[in-house]
Amino acid sequence: MTVPEAGRILGLERAASYNAARRGDIPTITVGRRILVPTAKLRVLLGLDHTADTAA
């Protein structure tokens, strides 16, 4: 998902979402020029999925 989409889930505005991603608070990967948030890591961050934290 995109950084702003992940930020909305976390209750952040667009600029705050990118700042959090830049700091490493939101996990990201880069695909070409796009910065994306892996949904599995976001689920772990939110405490929704505990199986992926051992695979990371």
C-alpha atoms as a PDB file:
ATOM      1  CA  MET A   1       0.000   0.000   0.000  1.00  0.00           C
ATOM      2  CA  THR A   2       1.110   3.595  -0.338  1.00  0.00           C
ATOM      3  CA  VAL A   3       2.585   5.622   2.500  1.00  0.00           C
ATOM      4  CA  PRO A   4      -0.452   7.959   2.733  1.00  0.00           C
ATOM      5  CA  GLU A   5      -2.807   4.933   2.876  1.00  0.00           C
ATOM      6  CA  ALA A   6      -0.799   3.440   5.735  1.00  0.00           C
ATOM      7  CA  GLY A   7      -0.719   6.826   7.426  1.00  0.00           C
ATOM      8  CA  ARG A   8      -4.508   7.102   7.283  1.00  0.00           C
ATOM      9  CA  ILE A   9      -4.764   3.729   9.039  1.00  0.00           C
ATOM     10  CA  LEU A  10      -2.427   5.079  11.712  1.00  0.00           C
ATOM     11  CA  GLY A  11      -4.326   8.368  11.947  1.00  0.00           C
ATOM     12  CA  LEU A  12      -1.663  10.489  10.244  1.00  0.00           C
ATOM     13  CA  GLU A  13      -1.922  13.116   7.540  1.00  0.00           C
ATOM     14  CA  ARG A  14       0.054  12.801   4.297  1.00  0.00           C
ATOM     15  CA  ALA A  15       3.129  14.827   5.339  1.00  0.00           C
ATOM     16  CA  ALA A  16       3.262  13.167   8.752  1.00  0.00           C
ATOM     17  CA  SER A  17       3.035   9.759   7.063  1.00  0.00           C
ATOM     18  CA  TYR A  18       6.056  10.460   4.879  1.00  0.00           C
ATOM     19  CA  ASN A  19       7.964  11.865   7.866  1.00  0.00           C
ATOM     20  CA  ALA A  20       7.216   8.707   9.848  1.00  0.00           C
ATOM     21  CA  ALA A  21       8.334   6.560   6.902  1.00  0.00           C
ATOM     22  CA  ARG A  22      11.536   8.588   6.578  1.00  0.00           C
ATOM     23  CA  ARG A  23      12.264   8.069  10.305  1.00  0.00           C
ATOM     24  CA  GLY A  24      11.585   4.337   9.977  1.00  0.00           C
ATOM     25  CA  ASP A  25       8.458   4.397  12.136  1.00  0.00           C
ATOM     26  CA  ILE A  26       6.486   3.047   9.167  1.00  0.00           C
ATOM     27  CA  PRO A  27       8.263   0.155   7.393  1.00  0.00           C
ATOM     28  CA  THR A  28       8.779   0.787   3.678  1.00  0.00           C
ATOM     29  CA  ILE A  29      10.243  -0.768   0.567  1.00  0.00           C
ATOM     30  CA  THR A  30      11.195   1.024  -2.634  1.00  0.00           C
ATOM     31  CA  VAL A  31       9.946  -0.328  -5.955  1.00  0.00           C
ATOM     32  CA  GLY A  32      11.340   1.787  -8.752  1.00  0.00           C
ATOM     33  CA  ARG A  33      10.545   5.338  -7.665  1.00  0.00           C
ATOM     34  CA  ARG A  34       7.606   4.343  -5.478  1.00  0.00           C
ATOM     35  CA  ILE A  35       7.815   4.055  -1.708  1.00  0.00           C
ATOM     36  CA  LEU A  36       5.440   1.358  -0.523  1.00  0.00           C
ATOM     37  CA  VAL A  37       4.471  -0.108   2.836  1.00  0.00           C
ATOM     38  CA  PRO A  38       4.428  -3.918   3.024  1.00  0.00           C
ATOM     39  CA  THR A  39       1.056  -4.825   4.493  1.00  0.00           C
ATOM     40  CA  ALA A  40       2.445  -7.797   6.444  1.00  0.00           C
ATOM     41  CA  LYS A  41       4.865  -5.539   8.342  1.00  0.00           C
ATOM     42  CA  LEU A  42       2.128  -2.953   8.903  1.00  0.00           C
ATOM     43  CA  ARG A  43      -0.118  -5.650  10.385  1.00  0.00           C
ATOM     44  CA  VAL A  44       2.679  -6.623  12.784  1.00  0.00           C
ATOM     45  CA  LEU A  45       3.217  -2.952  13.683  1.00  0.00           C
ATOM     46  CA  LEU A  46      -0.482  -2.670  14.504  1.00  0.00           C
ATOM     47  CA  GLY A  47      -0.406  -5.896  16.520  1.00  0.00           C
ATOM     48  CA  LEU A  48      -2.831  -7.643  14.171  1.00  0.00           C
ATOM     49  CA  ASP A  49      -0.497 -10.413  12.988  1.00  0.00           C
ATOM     50  CA  HIS A  50       2.152 -12.056  15.147  1.00  0.00           C
ATOM     51  CA  THR A  51       3.295 -14.735  12.684  1.00  0.00           C
ATOM     52  CA  ALA A  52       5.144 -12.341  10.355  1.00  0.00           C
ATOM     53  CA  ASP A  53       7.335 -10.827  13.089  1.00  0.00           C
ATOM     54  CA  THR A  54       9.452 -13.984  13.254  1.00  0.00           C
ATOM     55  CA  ALA A  55       9.876 -14.034   9.458  1.00  0.00           C
ATOM     56  CA  ALA A  56      11.097 -10.442   9.232  1.00  0.00           C
END
